[in-house]
């Protein structure tokens, strides 16, 4: 055999090999459903992911403010669970204020709407804004001390949920078991009295 024949043989072999695109799919736990998935995706190399479970909770919303209030309630819960100190604690009232800013922007008009909707006064709202700025949920404008904007993380949330025109949006919250904690190290936190 010479080099020309080797090249022709390798080209013939590579033409017979059909590469399939790999698709990763969550294992449904049902053999019948998994077979249906394989049949639907027969042009792909299907790999089922095991030991991964997804639970859906459907939350309905009526408008942009309503979805923002729900997003910020979930966000506050996650932030409060991650933070070990009370320095970055985000209470529900502050989360609601952030939802208004996420929906309507930071302005005098928005502040007036918040005062009326949350049944508060401007002095209390200014205290909440100062706290949100101190905790870096709101960022002070470098050129105008009276203006603020959402933190980069909150701006990303706003873009994800509000800047696309669709009726259904999903996000995932992943629970991952920590491997650095032994059962003997787990301590139950008691309420401060």
N, C-alpha and C. Protein backbone atom coordinates (compact mmCIF):
# COMPACT_ATOMS: atom_id res chain seq x y z
N UNK A 1 0.84 -1.20 0.00
CA UNK A 1 0.00 0.00 0.00
C UNK A 1 0.87 1.24 0.00
N UNK A 2 0.45 2.20 -0.75
CA UNK A 2 1.20 3.44 -0.73
C UNK A 2 0.40 4.52 0.00
N UNK A 3 0.97 5.70 0.09
CA UNK A 3 0.35 6.80 0.85
C UNK A 3 -0.98 7.21 0.24
N UNK A 4 -1.10 7.19 -1.07
CA UNK A 4 -2.34 7.58 -1.73
C UNK A 4 -3.47 6.63 -1.35
N UNK A 5 -3.20 5.35 -1.32
CA UNK A 5 -4.23 4.37 -0.94
C UNK A 5 -4.64 4.56 0.53
N UNK A 6 -3.68 4.83 1.41
CA UNK A 6 -3.98 5.06 2.83
C UNK A 6 -4.90 6.24 3.00
N UNK A 7 -4.66 7.32 2.29
CA UNK A 7 -5.49 8.52 2.38
C UNK A 7 -6.89 8.22 1.87
N UNK A 8 -7.00 7.49 0.76
CA UNK A 8 -8.30 7.14 0.21
C UNK A 8 -9.07 6.24 1.18
N UNK A 9 -8.40 5.29 1.82
CA UNK A 9 -9.04 4.40 2.78
C UNK A 9 -9.53 5.17 4.01
N UNK A 10 -8.71 6.09 4.51
CA UNK A 10 -9.12 6.86 5.70
C UNK A 10 -10.28 7.80 5.36
N UNK A 11 -10.33 8.33 4.14
CA UNK A 11 -11.46 9.17 3.73
C UNK A 11 -12.73 8.33 3.65
N UNK A 12 -12.62 7.12 3.15
CA UNK A 12 -13.78 6.24 3.04
C UNK A 12 -14.31 5.88 4.42
N UNK A 13 -13.40 5.62 5.36
CA UNK A 13 -13.81 5.29 6.74
C UNK A 13 -14.47 6.50 7.40
N UNK A 14 -13.91 7.69 7.23
CA UNK A 14 -14.48 8.89 7.86
C UNK A 14 -15.83 9.24 7.27
N UNK A 15 -16.08 8.88 6.01
CA UNK A 15 -17.39 9.13 5.42
C UNK A 15 -18.44 8.21 6.02
N UNK A 16 -18.05 7.00 6.42
CA UNK A 16 -18.98 6.04 7.01
C UNK A 16 -19.30 6.37 8.47
N UNK A 17 -18.38 7.02 9.16
CA UNK A 17 -18.61 7.38 10.56
C UNK A 17 -19.49 8.62 10.62
N UNK A 18 -20.62 8.45 11.23
CA UNK A 18 -21.57 9.57 11.35
C UNK A 18 -21.54 10.06 12.79
N UNK A 19 -21.05 11.27 12.99
CA UNK A 19 -20.98 11.82 14.33
C UNK A 19 -22.33 12.41 14.71
N UNK A 20 -22.82 11.99 15.88
CA UNK A 20 -24.08 12.51 16.37
C UNK A 20 -23.81 13.54 17.46
N UNK A 21 -24.61 14.55 17.46
CA UNK A 21 -24.50 15.58 18.49
C UNK A 21 -25.01 15.02 19.81
N UNK A 22 -24.25 15.26 20.88
CA UNK A 22 -24.64 14.76 22.20
C UNK A 22 -25.66 15.70 22.82
N UNK A 23 -26.74 15.11 23.34
CA UNK A 23 -27.78 15.88 24.02
C UNK A 23 -27.93 15.29 25.41
N UNK A 24 -27.86 16.16 26.43
CA UNK A 24 -28.04 15.70 27.80
C UNK A 24 -29.47 16.00 28.24
N UNK A 25 -30.13 14.99 28.76
CA UNK A 25 -31.54 15.09 29.13
C UNK A 25 -31.68 14.59 30.57
N UNK A 26 -32.53 15.24 31.33
CA UNK A 26 -32.81 14.77 32.69
C UNK A 26 -33.52 13.43 32.63
N UNK A 27 -33.07 12.50 33.45
CA UNK A 27 -33.73 11.20 33.55
C UNK A 27 -35.09 11.42 34.20
N UNK A 28 -36.14 11.02 33.51
CA UNK A 28 -37.50 11.25 34.01
C UNK A 28 -37.89 10.28 35.11
N UNK A 29 -37.15 9.17 35.22
CA UNK A 29 -37.51 8.16 36.21
C UNK A 29 -38.50 7.16 35.66
N UNK A 30 -39.03 7.42 34.49
CA UNK A 30 -40.00 6.52 33.86
C UNK A 30 -39.35 5.90 32.62
N UNK A 31 -39.32 4.57 32.59
CA UNK A 31 -38.70 3.88 31.47
C UNK A 31 -39.42 4.21 30.16
N UNK A 32 -40.76 4.24 30.21
CA UNK A 32 -41.55 4.51 29.00
C UNK A 32 -41.27 5.93 28.46
N UNK A 33 -41.23 6.90 29.37
CA UNK A 33 -40.96 8.28 28.95
C UNK A 33 -39.55 8.42 28.39
N UNK A 34 -38.59 7.76 29.02
CA UNK A 34 -37.21 7.81 28.51
C UNK A 34 -37.12 7.20 27.11
N UNK A 35 -37.87 6.12 26.86
CA UNK A 35 -37.88 5.50 25.52
C UNK A 35 -38.50 6.46 24.51
N UNK A 36 -39.58 7.15 24.91
CA UNK A 36 -40.19 8.15 24.01
C UNK A 36 -39.19 9.25 23.67
N UNK A 37 -38.44 9.68 24.67
CA UNK A 37 -37.42 10.72 24.43
C UNK A 37 -36.37 10.22 23.46
N UNK A 38 -35.90 8.99 23.66
CA UNK A 38 -34.91 8.40 22.75
C UNK A 38 -35.45 8.33 21.33
N UNK A 39 -36.73 7.95 21.17
CA UNK A 39 -37.33 7.86 19.84
C UNK A 39 -37.45 9.24 19.19
N UNK A 40 -37.79 10.24 19.97
CA UNK A 40 -37.92 11.60 19.42
C UNK A 40 -36.56 12.17 19.03
N UNK A 41 -35.54 11.79 19.76
CA UNK A 41 -34.20 12.34 19.52
C UNK A 41 -33.27 11.29 18.91
N UNK A 42 -33.80 10.48 18.02
CA UNK A 42 -33.00 9.37 17.48
C UNK A 42 -31.81 9.84 16.64
N UNK A 43 -31.82 11.09 16.19
CA UNK A 43 -30.69 11.61 15.41
C UNK A 43 -29.57 12.11 16.31
N UNK A 44 -29.76 12.01 17.63
CA UNK A 44 -28.78 12.52 18.59
C UNK A 44 -28.29 11.40 19.49
N UNK A 45 -27.13 11.63 20.07
CA UNK A 45 -26.58 10.73 21.08
C UNK A 45 -27.12 11.23 22.42
N UNK A 46 -28.18 10.59 22.92
CA UNK A 46 -28.86 11.04 24.13
C UNK A 46 -28.18 10.45 25.35
N UNK A 47 -27.83 11.33 26.28
CA UNK A 47 -27.23 10.92 27.55
C UNK A 47 -28.13 11.41 28.67
N UNK A 48 -28.62 10.47 29.46
CA UNK A 48 -29.51 10.83 30.56
C UNK A 48 -28.70 11.22 31.79
N UNK A 49 -29.07 12.35 32.40
CA UNK A 49 -28.43 12.79 33.63
C UNK A 49 -29.16 12.14 34.80
N UNK A 50 -28.41 11.48 35.63
CA UNK A 50 -29.01 10.83 36.79
C UNK A 50 -28.68 11.61 38.05
N UNK A 51 -29.42 11.35 39.10
CA UNK A 51 -29.24 12.01 40.40
C UNK A 51 -29.46 13.51 40.33
N UNK A 52 -30.25 13.95 39.36
CA UNK A 52 -30.64 15.35 39.25
C UNK A 52 -32.16 15.38 39.22
N UNK A 53 -32.74 16.14 40.11
CA UNK A 53 -34.20 16.23 40.15
C UNK A 53 -34.60 17.68 40.01
N UNK A 54 -35.72 17.90 39.38
CA UNK A 54 -36.25 19.26 39.23
C UNK A 54 -37.68 19.27 39.73
N UNK A 55 -37.99 20.25 40.53
CA UNK A 55 -39.35 20.46 41.01
C UNK A 55 -39.81 21.83 40.51
N UNK A 56 -40.95 21.89 39.90
CA UNK A 56 -41.47 23.15 39.38
C UNK A 56 -42.53 23.70 40.32
N UNK A 57 -42.47 24.98 40.53
CA UNK A 57 -43.52 25.68 41.26
C UNK A 57 -44.02 26.76 40.32
N UNK A 58 -45.28 26.70 39.97
CA UNK A 58 -45.83 27.70 39.06
C UNK A 58 -46.30 28.91 39.85
N UNK A 59 -45.78 30.05 39.50
CA UNK A 59 -46.21 31.32 40.10
C UNK A 59 -46.83 32.17 39.00
N UNK A 60 -48.05 32.56 39.19
CA UNK A 60 -48.69 33.42 38.19
C UNK A 60 -48.44 34.88 38.58
N UNK A 61 -48.52 35.75 37.59
CA UNK A 61 -48.35 37.17 37.86
C UNK A 61 -49.26 37.96 36.94
N UNK A 62 -49.59 39.18 37.39
CA UNK A 62 -50.55 39.98 36.64
C UNK A 62 -49.89 41.05 35.78
N UNK A 63 -48.75 41.58 36.25
CA UNK A 63 -48.06 42.63 35.50
C UNK A 63 -46.59 42.65 35.91
N UNK A 64 -45.83 43.59 35.36
CA UNK A 64 -44.40 43.65 35.63
C UNK A 64 -44.09 43.90 37.10
N UNK A 65 -44.86 44.74 37.74
CA UNK A 65 -44.62 45.01 39.16
C UNK A 65 -44.88 43.75 39.98
N UNK A 66 -45.93 43.02 39.66
CA UNK A 66 -46.26 41.80 40.39
C UNK A 66 -45.15 40.77 40.27
N UNK A 67 -44.62 40.56 39.05
CA UNK A 67 -43.53 39.58 38.90
C UNK A 67 -42.28 40.07 39.61
N UNK A 68 -42.02 41.37 39.58
CA UNK A 68 -40.84 41.90 40.27
C UNK A 68 -40.95 41.73 41.78
N UNK A 69 -42.13 41.91 42.32
CA UNK A 69 -42.31 41.71 43.76
C UNK A 69 -42.07 40.25 44.14
N UNK A 70 -42.51 39.34 43.30
CA UNK A 70 -42.30 37.92 43.57
C UNK A 70 -40.82 37.56 43.42
N UNK A 71 -40.18 38.08 42.38
CA UNK A 71 -38.76 37.84 42.18
C UNK A 71 -37.97 38.35 43.38
N UNK A 72 -38.29 39.56 43.82
CA UNK A 72 -37.54 40.15 44.93
C UNK A 72 -37.80 39.44 46.25
N UNK A 73 -38.98 38.87 46.43
CA UNK A 73 -39.25 38.07 47.64
C UNK A 73 -38.36 36.83 47.66
N UNK A 74 -38.25 36.17 46.51
CA UNK A 74 -37.40 34.98 46.40
C UNK A 74 -35.94 35.38 46.55
N UNK A 75 -35.56 36.49 45.90
CA UNK A 75 -34.18 36.98 45.98
C UNK A 75 -33.81 37.29 47.44
N UNK A 76 -34.71 37.95 48.16
CA UNK A 76 -34.45 38.29 49.57
C UNK A 76 -34.26 37.01 50.38
N UNK A 77 -35.08 36.02 50.14
CA UNK A 77 -34.95 34.75 50.85
C UNK A 77 -33.59 34.12 50.60
N UNK A 78 -33.18 34.09 49.34
CA UNK A 78 -31.88 33.49 48.99
C UNK A 78 -30.74 34.29 49.62
N UNK A 79 -30.79 35.61 49.50
CA UNK A 79 -29.75 36.46 50.09
C UNK A 79 -29.68 36.24 51.59
N UNK A 80 -30.81 36.21 52.25
CA UNK A 80 -30.84 36.06 53.70
C UNK A 80 -30.34 34.68 54.14
N UNK A 81 -30.56 33.66 53.33
CA UNK A 81 -30.06 32.33 53.67
C UNK A 81 -28.56 32.24 53.45
N UNK A 82 -28.02 32.97 52.49
CA UNK A 82 -26.59 32.92 52.20
C UNK A 82 -25.78 33.74 53.19
N UNK A 83 -26.34 34.82 53.68
CA UNK A 83 -25.61 35.72 54.55
C UNK A 83 -25.58 35.20 55.97
N UNK A 84 -24.42 35.18 56.57
CA UNK A 84 -24.29 34.74 57.95
C UNK A 84 -24.45 35.90 58.93
N UNK A 85 -24.31 37.12 58.43
CA UNK A 85 -24.43 38.28 59.32
C UNK A 85 -25.69 39.06 58.98
N UNK A 86 -26.08 39.93 59.87
CA UNK A 86 -27.27 40.74 59.63
C UNK A 86 -26.94 42.00 58.83
N UNK A 87 -25.67 42.17 58.46
CA UNK A 87 -25.25 43.37 57.72
C UNK A 87 -25.90 43.47 56.35
N UNK A 88 -26.17 42.34 55.73
CA UNK A 88 -26.73 42.36 54.39
C UNK A 88 -28.16 41.82 54.34
N UNK A 89 -28.81 41.74 55.47
CA UNK A 89 -30.17 41.23 55.54
C UNK A 89 -31.10 42.10 54.71
N UNK A 90 -31.97 41.47 53.92
CA UNK A 90 -32.91 42.20 53.07
C UNK A 90 -34.32 41.85 53.51
N UNK A 91 -34.98 42.80 54.20
CA UNK A 91 -36.34 42.54 54.67
C UNK A 91 -37.35 42.71 53.53
N UNK A 92 -38.58 42.27 53.78
CA UNK A 92 -39.60 42.26 52.72
C UNK A 92 -39.95 43.67 52.25
N UNK A 93 -40.00 44.63 53.16
CA UNK A 93 -40.34 46.02 52.79
C UNK A 93 -39.29 46.57 51.83
N UNK A 94 -38.02 46.33 52.13
CA UNK A 94 -36.93 46.80 51.26
C UNK A 94 -36.97 46.06 49.91
N UNK A 95 -37.30 44.76 49.95
CA UNK A 95 -37.41 43.99 48.70
C UNK A 95 -38.53 44.55 47.83
N UNK A 96 -39.65 44.95 48.46
CA UNK A 96 -40.76 45.56 47.71
C UNK A 96 -40.34 46.88 47.08
N UNK A 97 -39.58 47.67 47.82
CA UNK A 97 -39.08 48.95 47.28
C UNK A 97 -38.20 48.69 46.06
N UNK A 98 -37.32 47.69 46.17
CA UNK A 98 -36.46 47.35 45.02
C UNK A 98 -37.28 46.88 43.83
N UNK A 99 -38.39 46.20 44.09
CA UNK A 99 -39.26 45.74 42.99
C UNK A 99 -39.84 46.94 42.23
N UNK A 100 -40.23 47.98 42.97
CA UNK A 100 -40.73 49.20 42.30
C UNK A 100 -39.63 49.83 41.46
N UNK A 101 -38.41 49.93 42.00
CA UNK A 101 -37.31 50.52 41.24
C UNK A 101 -36.96 49.66 40.02
N UNK A 102 -37.07 48.35 40.18
CA UNK A 102 -36.78 47.45 39.07
C UNK A 102 -37.79 47.67 37.94
N UNK A 103 -39.04 47.88 38.30
CA UNK A 103 -40.10 48.05 37.32
C UNK A 103 -40.13 49.45 36.73
N UNK A 104 -40.00 50.48 37.58
CA UNK A 104 -40.26 51.85 37.15
C UNK A 104 -39.03 52.74 37.11
N UNK A 105 -37.88 52.24 37.58
CA UNK A 105 -36.69 53.07 37.65
C UNK A 105 -36.69 53.91 38.91
N UNK A 106 -35.54 54.50 39.20
CA UNK A 106 -35.40 55.33 40.39
C UNK A 106 -35.69 56.78 40.00
N UNK A 107 -36.78 57.32 40.52
CA UNK A 107 -37.14 58.71 40.20
C UNK A 107 -38.07 59.24 41.29
N UNK A 108 -38.30 60.54 41.27
CA UNK A 108 -39.22 61.18 42.22
C UNK A 108 -40.63 60.59 42.05
N UNK A 109 -41.04 60.38 40.79
CA UNK A 109 -42.36 59.82 40.52
C UNK A 109 -42.50 58.42 41.10
N UNK A 110 -41.46 57.60 40.94
CA UNK A 110 -41.48 56.25 41.49
C UNK A 110 -41.57 56.30 43.01
N UNK A 111 -40.81 57.21 43.61
CA UNK A 111 -40.83 57.35 45.06
C UNK A 111 -42.24 57.74 45.54
N UNK A 112 -42.90 58.62 44.81
CA UNK A 112 -44.27 59.00 45.17
C UNK A 112 -45.22 57.80 45.09
N UNK A 113 -45.05 56.97 44.07
CA UNK A 113 -45.88 55.78 43.91
C UNK A 113 -45.63 54.81 45.07
N UNK A 114 -44.37 54.64 45.43
CA UNK A 114 -44.02 53.74 46.53
C UNK A 114 -44.64 54.21 47.83
N UNK A 115 -44.54 55.51 48.11
CA UNK A 115 -45.11 56.06 49.35
C UNK A 115 -46.60 55.74 49.43
N UNK A 116 -47.29 55.91 48.32
CA UNK A 116 -48.73 55.65 48.31
C UNK A 116 -49.04 54.15 48.36
N UNK A 117 -48.34 53.36 47.55
CA UNK A 117 -48.65 51.93 47.45
C UNK A 117 -48.29 51.16 48.72
N UNK A 118 -47.19 51.53 49.36
CA UNK A 118 -46.74 50.81 50.55
C UNK A 118 -47.20 51.49 51.84
N UNK A 119 -48.02 52.52 51.70
CA UNK A 119 -48.59 53.21 52.86
C UNK A 119 -47.50 53.61 53.86
N UNK A 120 -46.55 54.39 53.36
CA UNK A 120 -45.45 54.87 54.18
C UNK A 120 -45.28 56.35 53.94
N UNK A 121 -44.23 56.94 54.47
CA UNK A 121 -43.96 58.35 54.22
C UNK A 121 -42.59 58.51 53.58
N UNK A 122 -42.30 59.67 53.06
CA UNK A 122 -41.06 59.90 52.32
C UNK A 122 -39.83 59.76 53.22
N UNK A 123 -39.96 60.14 54.48
CA UNK A 123 -38.83 60.02 55.41
C UNK A 123 -38.46 58.55 55.60
N UNK A 124 -39.47 57.70 55.79
CA UNK A 124 -39.23 56.26 55.95
C UNK A 124 -38.64 55.68 54.68
N UNK A 125 -39.15 56.09 53.52
CA UNK A 125 -38.62 55.60 52.24
C UNK A 125 -37.16 56.02 52.06
N UNK A 126 -36.84 57.24 52.44
CA UNK A 126 -35.45 57.70 52.34
C UNK A 126 -34.53 56.87 53.24
N UNK A 127 -35.02 56.46 54.41
CA UNK A 127 -34.24 55.59 55.30
C UNK A 127 -34.02 54.22 54.65
N UNK A 128 -35.06 53.70 54.03
CA UNK A 128 -34.93 52.41 53.33
C UNK A 128 -33.93 52.54 52.19
N UNK A 129 -34.01 53.64 51.43
CA UNK A 129 -33.07 53.86 50.32
C UNK A 129 -31.63 53.97 50.83
N UNK A 130 -31.44 54.64 51.95
CA UNK A 130 -30.09 54.77 52.53
C UNK A 130 -29.56 53.39 52.93
N UNK A 131 -30.43 52.58 53.52
CA UNK A 131 -30.04 51.23 53.92
C UNK A 131 -29.70 50.37 52.70
N UNK A 132 -30.53 50.47 51.66
CA UNK A 132 -30.28 49.71 50.43
C UNK A 132 -28.99 50.15 49.74
N UNK A 133 -28.68 51.44 49.84
CA UNK A 133 -27.43 51.95 49.27
C UNK A 133 -26.24 51.47 50.09
N UNK A 134 -26.37 51.51 51.41
CA UNK A 134 -25.29 51.04 52.30
C UNK A 134 -24.99 49.56 52.05
N UNK A 135 -26.03 48.78 51.80
CA UNK A 135 -25.88 47.34 51.56
C UNK A 135 -25.57 47.01 50.11
N UNK A 136 -25.44 48.04 49.28
CA UNK A 136 -25.05 47.91 47.87
C UNK A 136 -26.11 47.27 46.98
N UNK A 137 -27.37 47.29 47.39
CA UNK A 137 -28.45 46.86 46.50
C UNK A 137 -28.80 48.00 45.54
N UNK A 138 -28.61 49.22 46.00
CA UNK A 138 -28.72 50.41 45.16
C UNK A 138 -27.33 51.04 45.08
N UNK A 139 -26.99 51.57 43.91
CA UNK A 139 -25.69 52.19 43.69
C UNK A 139 -25.90 53.68 43.46
N UNK A 140 -25.19 54.50 44.22
CA UNK A 140 -25.29 55.95 44.09
C UNK A 140 -24.63 56.41 42.79
N UNK A 141 -25.26 57.31 42.09
CA UNK A 141 -24.71 57.88 40.87
C UNK A 141 -23.48 58.72 41.24
N UNK A 142 -22.35 58.54 40.55
CA UNK A 142 -21.14 59.28 40.91
C UNK A 142 -21.24 60.79 40.64
N UNK A 143 -22.18 61.19 39.77
CA UNK A 143 -22.29 62.60 39.39
C UNK A 143 -23.45 63.31 40.06
N UNK A 144 -24.41 62.54 40.59
CA UNK A 144 -25.58 63.15 41.20
C UNK A 144 -25.95 62.33 42.45
N UNK A 145 -25.75 62.89 43.62
CA UNK A 145 -25.96 62.19 44.88
C UNK A 145 -27.43 61.81 45.10
N UNK A 146 -28.35 62.44 44.39
CA UNK A 146 -29.78 62.16 44.55
C UNK A 146 -30.25 60.98 43.69
N UNK A 147 -29.42 60.56 42.74
CA UNK A 147 -29.82 59.48 41.82
C UNK A 147 -29.17 58.17 42.26
N UNK A 148 -29.91 57.09 42.05
CA UNK A 148 -29.40 55.76 42.34
C UNK A 148 -29.85 54.81 41.23
N UNK A 149 -29.14 53.69 41.13
CA UNK A 149 -29.53 52.66 40.18
C UNK A 149 -29.41 51.30 40.88
N UNK A 150 -29.97 50.30 40.27
CA UNK A 150 -29.90 48.96 40.83
C UNK A 150 -28.47 48.43 40.75
N UNK A 151 -28.12 47.56 41.67
CA UNK A 151 -26.81 46.92 41.63
C UNK A 151 -26.69 46.11 40.34
N UNK A 152 -25.47 45.80 39.90
CA UNK A 152 -25.32 45.01 38.67
C UNK A 152 -26.07 43.67 38.72
N UNK A 153 -26.08 43.02 39.88
CA UNK A 153 -26.80 41.75 40.00
C UNK A 153 -28.30 41.94 39.80
N UNK A 154 -28.86 43.00 40.39
CA UNK A 154 -30.29 43.27 40.23
C UNK A 154 -30.61 43.73 38.81
N UNK A 155 -29.69 44.44 38.18
CA UNK A 155 -29.89 44.83 36.78
C UNK A 155 -29.96 43.60 35.88
N UNK A 156 -29.13 42.59 36.17
CA UNK A 156 -29.18 41.34 35.40
C UNK A 156 -30.52 40.64 35.60
N UNK A 157 -31.01 40.62 36.84
CA UNK A 157 -32.33 40.03 37.10
C UNK A 157 -33.41 40.76 36.32
N UNK A 158 -33.34 42.09 36.33
CA UNK A 158 -34.32 42.90 35.61
C UNK A 158 -34.28 42.57 34.12
N UNK A 159 -33.09 42.52 33.55
CA UNK A 159 -32.96 42.20 32.12
C UNK A 159 -33.51 40.82 31.83
N UNK A 160 -33.21 39.86 32.69
CA UNK A 160 -33.66 38.49 32.46
C UNK A 160 -35.18 38.38 32.49
N UNK A 161 -35.81 39.00 33.47
CA UNK A 161 -37.25 38.82 33.64
C UNK A 161 -38.10 39.85 32.90
N UNK A 162 -37.60 41.06 32.71
CA UNK A 162 -38.45 42.11 32.15
C UNK A 162 -38.13 42.53 30.73
N UNK A 163 -36.90 42.34 30.31
CA UNK A 163 -36.51 42.86 29.00
C UNK A 163 -36.78 41.90 27.85
N UNK A 164 -37.51 40.83 28.10
CA UNK A 164 -37.95 39.95 27.03
C UNK A 164 -39.46 39.91 27.07
N UNK A 165 -40.04 39.88 25.89
CA UNK A 165 -41.50 39.94 25.80
C UNK A 165 -42.06 38.53 25.63
N UNK A 166 -42.31 37.87 26.77
CA UNK A 166 -42.93 36.55 26.73
C UNK A 166 -43.80 36.39 27.97
N UNK A 167 -44.68 35.42 27.92
CA UNK A 167 -45.62 35.22 29.02
C UNK A 167 -45.10 34.28 30.11
N UNK A 168 -44.09 33.49 29.79
CA UNK A 168 -43.57 32.52 30.75
C UNK A 168 -42.06 32.64 30.82
N UNK A 169 -41.54 32.74 32.03
CA UNK A 169 -40.10 32.81 32.26
C UNK A 169 -39.80 31.84 33.39
N UNK A 170 -38.69 31.13 33.26
CA UNK A 170 -38.28 30.19 34.31
C UNK A 170 -36.88 30.52 34.78
N UNK A 171 -36.65 30.24 36.05
CA UNK A 171 -35.30 30.33 36.58
C UNK A 171 -35.10 29.16 37.53
N UNK A 172 -33.87 28.78 37.71
CA UNK A 172 -33.56 27.63 38.56
C UNK A 172 -32.87 28.09 39.83
N UNK A 173 -33.22 27.45 40.92
CA UNK A 173 -32.50 27.60 42.16
C UNK A 173 -31.92 26.23 42.45
N UNK A 174 -30.62 26.15 42.49
CA UNK A 174 -29.97 24.85 42.64
C UNK A 174 -29.57 24.64 44.09
N UNK A 175 -29.95 23.51 44.63
CA UNK A 175 -29.54 23.11 45.96
C UNK A 175 -28.43 22.09 45.80
N UNK A 176 -27.28 22.40 46.34
CA UNK A 176 -26.13 21.51 46.21
C UNK A 176 -25.65 21.16 47.61
N UNK A 177 -25.54 19.87 47.88
CA UNK A 177 -25.13 19.42 49.19
C UNK A 177 -23.68 19.82 49.43
N UNK A 178 -23.45 20.45 50.58
CA UNK A 178 -22.09 20.84 50.94
C UNK A 178 -21.34 19.62 51.42
N UNK A 179 -20.13 19.47 50.96
CA UNK A 179 -19.33 18.32 51.32
C UNK A 179 -18.34 18.65 52.43
N UNK A 180 -18.23 19.92 52.77
CA UNK A 180 -17.24 20.33 53.76
C UNK A 180 -17.79 20.34 55.19
N UNK A 181 -19.02 19.89 55.39
CA UNK A 181 -19.63 19.91 56.72
C UNK A 181 -19.88 18.48 57.17
N UNK A 182 -19.34 18.13 58.32
CA UNK A 182 -19.62 16.83 58.91
C UNK A 182 -20.83 16.98 59.81
N UNK A 183 -21.60 15.91 59.99
CA UNK A 183 -22.79 15.99 60.86
C UNK A 183 -22.48 16.54 62.25
N UNK A 184 -21.30 16.24 62.80
CA UNK A 184 -20.95 16.73 64.13
C UNK A 184 -20.73 18.24 64.14
N UNK A 185 -20.44 18.83 62.95
CA UNK A 185 -20.18 20.28 62.87
C UNK A 185 -21.46 21.10 62.74
N UNK A 186 -22.58 20.46 62.46
CA UNK A 186 -23.83 21.18 62.25
C UNK A 186 -24.36 21.66 63.60
N UNK A 187 -24.65 22.93 63.65
CA UNK A 187 -25.17 23.53 64.88
C UNK A 187 -26.52 24.16 64.57
N UNK A 188 -27.43 24.02 65.45
CA UNK A 188 -28.74 24.64 65.30
C UNK A 188 -28.63 26.05 65.86
N UNK A 189 -29.04 27.01 65.03
CA UNK A 189 -28.99 28.40 65.47
C UNK A 189 -30.25 28.70 66.26
N UNK A 190 -30.08 29.28 67.41
CA UNK A 190 -31.22 29.64 68.24
C UNK A 190 -31.56 31.09 68.02
N UNK A 191 -32.83 31.42 68.17
CA UNK A 191 -33.26 32.81 68.04
C UNK A 191 -32.64 33.64 69.14
N UNK A 192 -32.21 34.84 68.78
CA UNK A 192 -31.69 35.76 69.78
C UNK A 192 -32.83 36.24 70.66
N UNK A 193 -32.63 36.19 71.97
CA UNK A 193 -33.71 36.60 72.88
C UNK A 193 -33.28 37.77 73.70
